[in-house]
Amino acid sequence: MPETPNEHTPRKRLSFGFIGFLALMFVLLWPLSLGPVAWLYDHGYLSDETARMIGVLYQPLSWVFEASPLLEDAMMRYLAFWRQ
């Protein structure tokens, strides 16, 4: 007979693989989310104050892009796509 979960059943822990997957998704999706945010701002869906607050979240990305001309160029092309 299958055991039903109760206070004596150990919980499954998050595996390192799953945590690594989440970290990878964050690293990929964080920069990619900048395009839709730029589109929302350009089309008037975000106020200047909201854009400044959101800008704080993306400040570390700007440091990375400024340090790498290759990444900066790629991001500028990506943003140009969203700002058409």
C-alpha atoms as a PDB file:
ATOM      1  CA  MET A   1       0.000   0.000   0.000  1.00  0.00           C
ATOM      2  CA  PRO A   2       1.496   3.435  -0.929  1.00  0.00           C
ATOM      3  CA  GLU A   3       2.491   5.579   1.999  1.00  0.00           C
ATOM      4  CA  THR A   4       0.700   8.892   2.359  1.00  0.00           C
ATOM      5  CA  PRO A   5       2.779  11.950   3.278  1.00  0.00           C
ATOM      6  CA  ASN A   6       2.726  12.866   6.936  1.00  0.00           C
ATOM      7  CA  GLU A   7       4.995  14.491   9.484  1.00  0.00           C
ATOM      8  CA  HIS A   8       7.224  11.376   9.532  1.00  0.00           C
ATOM      9  CA  THR A   9       7.864  11.337   5.782  1.00  0.00           C
ATOM     10  CA  PRO A  10      11.089  13.160   4.826  1.00  0.00           C
ATOM     11  CA  ARG A  11      10.652  15.998   2.341  1.00  0.00           C
ATOM     12  CA  LYS A  12      12.514  15.948  -0.916  1.00  0.00           C
ATOM     13  CA  ARG A  13      15.240  18.574  -1.093  1.00  0.00           C
ATOM     14  CA  LEU A  14      15.992  20.690  -4.105  1.00  0.00           C
ATOM     15  CA  SER A  15      18.758  19.071  -6.079  1.00  0.00           C
ATOM     16  CA  PHE A  16      21.866  20.934  -7.163  1.00  0.00           C
ATOM     17  CA  GLY A  17      20.830  20.293 -10.767  1.00  0.00           C
ATOM     18  CA  PHE A  18      17.525  22.062 -10.298  1.00  0.00           C
ATOM     19  CA  ILE A  19      19.158  24.979  -8.505  1.00  0.00           C
ATOM     20  CA  GLY A  20      21.725  25.182 -11.321  1.00  0.00           C
ATOM     21  CA  PHE A  21      18.896  25.190 -13.864  1.00  0.00           C
ATOM     22  CA  LEU A  22      17.182  28.053 -12.042  1.00  0.00           C
ATOM     23  CA  ALA A  23      20.438  30.014 -11.894  1.00  0.00           C
ATOM     24  CA  LEU A  24      20.996  29.480 -15.627  1.00  0.00           C
ATOM     25  CA  MET A  25      17.458  30.609 -16.430  1.00  0.00           C
ATOM     26  CA  PHE A  26      17.962  33.725 -14.307  1.00  0.00           C
ATOM     27  CA  VAL A  27      21.248  34.564 -16.055  1.00  0.00           C
ATOM     28  CA  LEU A  28      19.607  34.136 -19.471  1.00  0.00           C
ATOM     29  CA  LEU A  29      16.220  35.694 -18.794  1.00  0.00           C
ATOM     30  CA  TRP A  30      17.353  38.726 -16.800  1.00  0.00           C
ATOM     31  CA  PRO A  31      19.175  40.387 -19.718  1.00  0.00           C
ATOM     32  CA  LEU A  32      16.509  39.257 -22.189  1.00  0.00           C
ATOM     33  CA  SER A  33      13.787  40.875 -20.091  1.00  0.00           C
ATOM     34  CA  LEU A  34      15.368  44.266 -20.776  1.00  0.00           C
ATOM     35  CA  GLY A  35      13.897  44.283 -24.306  1.00  0.00           C
ATOM     36  CA  PRO A  36      10.248  44.073 -23.236  1.00  0.00           C
ATOM     37  CA  VAL A  37      10.884  46.622 -20.478  1.00  0.00           C
ATOM     38  CA  ALA A  38      12.333  49.042 -23.044  1.00  0.00           C
ATOM     39  CA  TRP A  39       9.296  48.473 -25.268  1.00  0.00           C
ATOM     40  CA  LEU A  40       6.914  49.171 -22.383  1.00  0.00           C
ATOM     41  CA  TYR A  41       8.752  52.391 -21.564  1.00  0.00           C
ATOM     42  CA  ASP A  42       8.938  53.548 -25.186  1.00  0.00           C
ATOM     43  CA  HIS A  43       5.202  53.003 -25.625  1.00  0.00           C
ATOM     44  CA  GLY A  44       4.237  54.918 -22.484  1.00  0.00           C
ATOM     45  CA  TYR A  45       3.275  51.988 -20.266  1.00  0.00           C
ATOM     46  CA  LEU A  46       5.924  52.860 -17.659  1.00  0.00           C
ATOM     47  CA  SER A  47       6.259  56.236 -16.016  1.00  0.00           C
ATOM     48  CA  ASP A  48       9.644  57.899 -15.646  1.00  0.00           C
ATOM     49  CA  GLU A  49       9.607  57.148 -11.921  1.00  0.00           C
ATOM     50  CA  THR A  50       8.844  53.468 -12.516  1.00  0.00           C
ATOM     51  CA  ALA A  51      11.551  53.310 -15.172  1.00  0.00           C
ATOM     52  CA  ARG A  52      14.077  54.733 -12.698  1.00  0.00           C
ATOM     53  CA  MET A  53      13.123  52.110 -10.105  1.00  0.00           C
ATOM     54  CA  ILE A  54      13.381  49.335 -12.685  1.00  0.00           C
ATOM     55  CA  GLY A  55      16.696  50.777 -13.833  1.00  0.00           C
ATOM     56  CA  VAL A  56      18.141  49.959 -10.430  1.00  0.00           C
ATOM     57  CA  LEU A  57      17.417  46.276 -11.092  1.00  0.00           C
ATOM     58  CA  TYR A  58      19.294  46.419 -14.384  1.00  0.00           C
ATOM     59  CA  GLN A  59      22.270  48.482 -13.159  1.00  0.00           C
ATOM     60  CA  PRO A  60      24.526  45.434 -12.686  1.00  0.00           C
ATOM     61  CA  LEU A  61      23.858  44.483 -16.303  1.00  0.00           C
ATOM     62  CA  SER A  62      24.988  47.879 -17.502  1.00  0.00           C
ATOM     63  CA  TRP A  63      28.303  47.356 -15.687  1.00  0.00           C
ATOM     64  CA  VAL A  64      28.758  44.031 -17.504  1.00  0.00           C
ATOM     65  CA  PHE A  65      27.896  45.561 -20.866  1.00  0.00           C
ATOM     66  CA  GLU A  66      30.242  48.505 -20.322  1.00  0.00           C
ATOM     67  CA  ALA A  67      33.074  46.099 -19.484  1.00  0.00           C
ATOM     68  CA  SER A  68      32.556  44.006 -22.627  1.00  0.00           C
ATOM     69  CA  PRO A  69      32.197  45.742 -26.002  1.00  0.00           C
ATOM     70  CA  LEU A  70      31.029  42.468 -27.557  1.00  0.00           C
ATOM     71  CA  LEU A  71      28.194  42.040 -25.045  1.00  0.00           C
ATOM     72  CA  GLU A  72      27.335  45.727 -25.247  1.00  0.00           C
ATOM     73  CA  ASP A  73      27.028  45.527 -29.030  1.00  0.00           C
ATOM     74  CA  ALA A  74      24.848  42.415 -28.777  1.00  0.00           C
ATOM     75  CA  MET A  75      22.563  44.101 -26.239  1.00  0.00           C
ATOM     76  CA  MET A  76      22.294  47.290 -28.305  1.00  0.00           C
ATOM     77  CA  ARG A  77      21.225  45.212 -31.319  1.00  0.00           C
ATOM     78  CA  TYR A  78      18.729  43.324 -29.173  1.00  0.00           C
ATOM     79  CA  LEU A  79      17.283  46.561 -27.784  1.00  0.00           C
ATOM     80  CA  ALA A  80      17.086  48.032 -31.299  1.00  0.00           C
ATOM     81  CA  PHE A  81      14.914  45.059 -32.264  1.00  0.00           C
ATOM     82  CA  TRP A  82      12.493  45.829 -29.395  1.00  0.00           C
ATOM     83  CA  ARG A  83      12.502  49.569 -30.077  1.00  0.00           C
ATOM     84  CA  GLN A  84      11.420  49.324 -33.729  1.00  0.00           C
END
